[in-house]
Amino acid sequence: MPTIIGKIACQFRGATINLTPVLRTDGKWSAFVHIAFPDRTTHDFGDFKAGNTKMEALQNAVTGAEGYIAHRMG
């Protein structure tokens, strides 16, 4: 069973990105993302490209979330 370790939040273009890093059973890190937009809508997605370190997985998740926000908000 994956282990959830900590939670991180950041802002991008007015949207709040909540990241939850997860240590997978294969020893790699991944992250799940919850985005809260200024118009009070939300979007959840996750299991981005796994990383060998927690920071690598979080960076992959932030990059994906920022791309999604930029596309959605124009």
N, C-alpha and C. Protein backbone atom coordinates (compact mmCIF):
# COMPACT_ATOMS: atom_id res chain seq x y z
N MET A 1 0.85 -1.18 0.00
CA MET A 1 0.00 0.00 0.00
C MET A 1 0.89 1.25 0.00
N PRO A 2 0.61 2.25 -0.85
CA PRO A 2 1.41 3.47 -0.88
C PRO A 2 1.31 4.23 0.43
N THR A 3 2.34 4.97 0.75
CA THR A 3 2.39 5.75 1.96
C THR A 3 2.34 7.23 1.62
N ILE A 4 1.40 7.99 2.22
CA ILE A 4 1.31 9.42 2.00
C ILE A 4 2.18 10.11 3.04
N ILE A 5 3.06 10.99 2.57
CA ILE A 5 3.99 11.66 3.47
C ILE A 5 3.93 13.16 3.23
N GLY A 6 3.27 13.91 4.12
CA GLY A 6 3.24 15.36 4.03
C GLY A 6 2.32 15.88 2.94
N LYS A 7 2.18 17.20 2.94
CA LYS A 7 1.38 17.89 1.94
C LYS A 7 2.02 19.24 1.70
N ILE A 8 1.96 19.72 0.46
CA ILE A 8 2.58 20.99 0.10
C ILE A 8 1.58 21.79 -0.72
N ALA A 9 1.54 23.11 -0.51
CA ALA A 9 0.65 23.97 -1.29
C ALA A 9 1.47 25.10 -1.89
N CYS A 10 1.08 25.53 -3.09
CA CYS A 10 1.72 26.67 -3.73
C CYS A 10 0.69 27.38 -4.61
N GLN A 11 1.01 28.58 -5.05
CA GLN A 11 0.12 29.38 -5.88
C GLN A 11 0.70 29.52 -7.28
N PHE A 12 -0.19 29.54 -8.28
CA PHE A 12 0.22 29.79 -9.66
C PHE A 12 -0.94 30.45 -10.37
N ARG A 13 -0.74 31.67 -10.83
CA ARG A 13 -1.75 32.43 -11.57
C ARG A 13 -3.08 32.49 -10.83
N GLY A 14 -3.03 32.66 -9.52
CA GLY A 14 -4.25 32.78 -8.72
C GLY A 14 -4.86 31.46 -8.27
N ALA A 15 -4.38 30.36 -8.79
CA ALA A 15 -4.89 29.05 -8.39
C ALA A 15 -3.99 28.46 -7.30
N THR A 16 -4.60 27.73 -6.39
CA THR A 16 -3.84 27.06 -5.34
C THR A 16 -3.62 25.61 -5.75
N ILE A 17 -2.37 25.20 -5.71
CA ILE A 17 -2.00 23.82 -6.05
C ILE A 17 -1.63 23.10 -4.76
N ASN A 18 -2.38 22.08 -4.41
CA ASN A 18 -2.06 21.25 -3.25
C ASN A 18 -1.45 19.95 -3.74
N LEU A 19 -0.27 19.65 -3.26
CA LEU A 19 0.46 18.46 -3.67
C LEU A 19 0.54 17.48 -2.51
N THR A 20 0.28 16.22 -2.80
CA THR A 20 0.43 15.17 -1.80
C THR A 20 1.41 14.14 -2.34
N PRO A 21 2.64 14.15 -1.83
CA PRO A 21 3.60 13.14 -2.29
C PRO A 21 3.24 11.76 -1.76
N VAL A 22 3.50 10.75 -2.57
CA VAL A 22 3.17 9.37 -2.21
C VAL A 22 4.36 8.48 -2.53
N LEU A 23 4.79 7.71 -1.53
CA LEU A 23 5.84 6.72 -1.75
C LEU A 23 5.16 5.43 -2.20
N ARG A 24 5.43 5.05 -3.44
CA ARG A 24 4.78 3.88 -4.01
C ARG A 24 5.41 2.59 -3.49
N THR A 25 4.71 1.50 -3.68
CA THR A 25 5.20 0.20 -3.20
C THR A 25 6.47 -0.25 -3.93
N ASP A 26 6.73 0.32 -5.13
CA ASP A 26 7.94 -0.04 -5.86
C ASP A 26 9.15 0.82 -5.45
N GLY A 27 8.96 1.68 -4.43
CA GLY A 27 10.05 2.50 -3.92
C GLY A 27 10.22 3.83 -4.63
N LYS A 28 9.41 4.09 -5.64
CA LYS A 28 9.47 5.37 -6.35
C LYS A 28 8.44 6.34 -5.75
N TRP A 29 8.66 7.63 -6.00
CA TRP A 29 7.76 8.66 -5.51
C TRP A 29 6.83 9.12 -6.62
N SER A 30 5.62 9.47 -6.25
CA SER A 30 4.66 10.08 -7.16
C SER A 30 3.94 11.17 -6.36
N ALA A 31 3.02 11.88 -7.00
CA ALA A 31 2.28 12.92 -6.29
C ALA A 31 0.88 13.04 -6.87
N PHE A 32 -0.06 13.35 -6.00
CA PHE A 32 -1.42 13.65 -6.41
C PHE A 32 -1.64 15.14 -6.23
N VAL A 33 -2.48 15.71 -7.09
CA VAL A 33 -2.65 17.16 -7.14
C VAL A 33 -4.12 17.53 -7.01
N HIS A 34 -4.38 18.55 -6.21
CA HIS A 34 -5.71 19.16 -6.12
C HIS A 34 -5.51 20.64 -6.43
N ILE A 35 -6.24 21.14 -7.43
CA ILE A 35 -6.13 22.54 -7.82
C ILE A 35 -7.44 23.24 -7.48
N ALA A 36 -7.34 24.35 -6.76
CA ALA A 36 -8.50 25.19 -6.45
C ALA A 36 -8.34 26.49 -7.24
N PHE A 37 -9.26 26.72 -8.16
CA PHE A 37 -9.21 27.91 -9.01
C PHE A 37 -9.89 29.09 -8.34
N PRO A 38 -9.55 30.32 -8.77
CA PRO A 38 -10.16 31.52 -8.18
C PRO A 38 -11.69 31.54 -8.30
N ASP A 39 -12.25 30.88 -9.32
CA ASP A 39 -13.71 30.86 -9.47
C ASP A 39 -14.38 29.78 -8.61
N ARG A 40 -13.62 29.21 -7.69
CA ARG A 40 -14.05 28.21 -6.71
C ARG A 40 -14.29 26.83 -7.30
N THR A 41 -13.91 26.59 -8.54
CA THR A 41 -13.96 25.25 -9.09
C THR A 41 -12.66 24.53 -8.72
N THR A 42 -12.70 23.22 -8.79
CA THR A 42 -11.51 22.44 -8.44
C THR A 42 -11.25 21.37 -9.50
N HIS A 43 -10.05 20.85 -9.47
CA HIS A 43 -9.69 19.76 -10.37
C HIS A 43 -8.68 18.88 -9.63
N ASP A 44 -8.88 17.58 -9.68
CA ASP A 44 -7.98 16.62 -9.05
C ASP A 44 -7.40 15.69 -10.10
N PHE A 45 -6.11 15.44 -10.00
CA PHE A 45 -5.49 14.44 -10.84
C PHE A 45 -4.18 14.01 -10.20
N GLY A 46 -3.60 12.94 -10.70
CA GLY A 46 -2.39 12.49 -10.04
C GLY A 46 -1.69 11.36 -10.74
N ASP A 47 -0.78 10.81 -9.97
CA ASP A 47 0.12 9.75 -10.41
C ASP A 47 0.87 10.17 -11.67
N PHE A 48 1.56 11.29 -11.52
CA PHE A 48 2.41 11.79 -12.60
C PHE A 48 3.61 10.89 -12.78
N LYS A 49 4.44 11.26 -13.73
CA LYS A 49 5.68 10.53 -13.95
C LYS A 49 6.39 10.33 -12.60
N ALA A 50 6.62 9.10 -12.27
CA ALA A 50 7.25 8.80 -10.98
C ALA A 50 8.67 9.31 -10.95
N GLY A 51 9.14 9.63 -9.75
CA GLY A 51 10.51 10.09 -9.58
C GLY A 51 11.25 9.19 -8.62
N ASN A 52 12.57 9.20 -8.72
CA ASN A 52 13.39 8.42 -7.79
C ASN A 52 13.49 9.10 -6.43
N THR A 53 13.21 10.42 -6.40
CA THR A 53 13.22 11.16 -5.14
C THR A 53 11.89 11.88 -4.98
N LYS A 54 11.60 12.27 -3.74
CA LYS A 54 10.38 13.00 -3.46
C LYS A 54 10.35 14.32 -4.23
N MET A 55 11.47 15.04 -4.25
CA MET A 55 11.54 16.33 -4.95
C MET A 55 11.33 16.17 -6.45
N GLU A 56 11.87 15.14 -7.04
CA GLU A 56 11.68 14.90 -8.47
C GLU A 56 10.20 14.66 -8.78
N ALA A 57 9.54 13.87 -7.97
CA ALA A 57 8.11 13.60 -8.17
C ALA A 57 7.28 14.86 -8.00
N LEU A 58 7.61 15.67 -6.99
CA LEU A 58 6.87 16.92 -6.76
C LEU A 58 7.08 17.89 -7.92
N GLN A 59 8.29 17.96 -8.43
CA GLN A 59 8.56 18.84 -9.57
C GLN A 59 7.77 18.39 -10.80
N ASN A 60 7.70 17.09 -11.04
CA ASN A 60 6.91 16.57 -12.15
C ASN A 60 5.44 16.97 -11.99
N ALA A 61 4.93 16.88 -10.76
CA ALA A 61 3.53 17.21 -10.50
C ALA A 61 3.28 18.71 -10.67
N VAL A 62 4.19 19.54 -10.16
CA VAL A 62 4.03 21.00 -10.30
C VAL A 62 4.07 21.40 -11.76
N THR A 63 4.98 20.85 -12.52
CA THR A 63 5.08 21.15 -13.95
C THR A 63 3.78 20.79 -14.67
N GLY A 64 3.23 19.62 -14.38
CA GLY A 64 1.97 19.20 -14.98
C GLY A 64 0.82 20.09 -14.56
N ALA A 65 0.75 20.45 -13.29
CA ALA A 65 -0.34 21.30 -12.79
C ALA A 65 -0.25 22.70 -13.38
N GLU A 66 0.95 23.27 -13.46
CA GLU A 66 1.10 24.59 -14.05
C GLU A 66 0.70 24.61 -15.51
N GLY A 67 1.04 23.55 -16.24
CA GLY A 67 0.63 23.44 -17.64
C GLY A 67 -0.88 23.38 -17.78
N TYR A 68 -1.52 22.63 -16.90
CA TYR A 68 -2.98 22.52 -16.93
C TYR A 68 -3.62 23.87 -16.62
N ILE A 69 -3.12 24.56 -15.60
CA ILE A 69 -3.66 25.87 -15.22
C ILE A 69 -3.48 26.87 -16.36
N ALA A 70 -2.30 26.91 -16.93
CA ALA A 70 -2.03 27.85 -18.02
C ALA A 70 -2.96 27.60 -19.20
N HIS A 71 -3.20 26.34 -19.52
CA HIS A 71 -4.09 25.99 -20.63
C HIS A 71 -5.54 26.40 -20.31
N ARG A 72 -5.97 26.11 -19.10
CA ARG A 72 -7.35 26.40 -18.71
C ARG A 72 -7.62 27.90 -18.59
N MET A 73 -6.66 28.64 -18.04
CA MET A 73 -6.87 30.07 -17.80
C MET A 73 -6.43 30.94 -18.96
N GLY A 74 -5.83 30.32 -19.95
CA GLY A 74 -5.43 31.06 -21.16
C GLY A 74 -4.28 31.91 -21.00
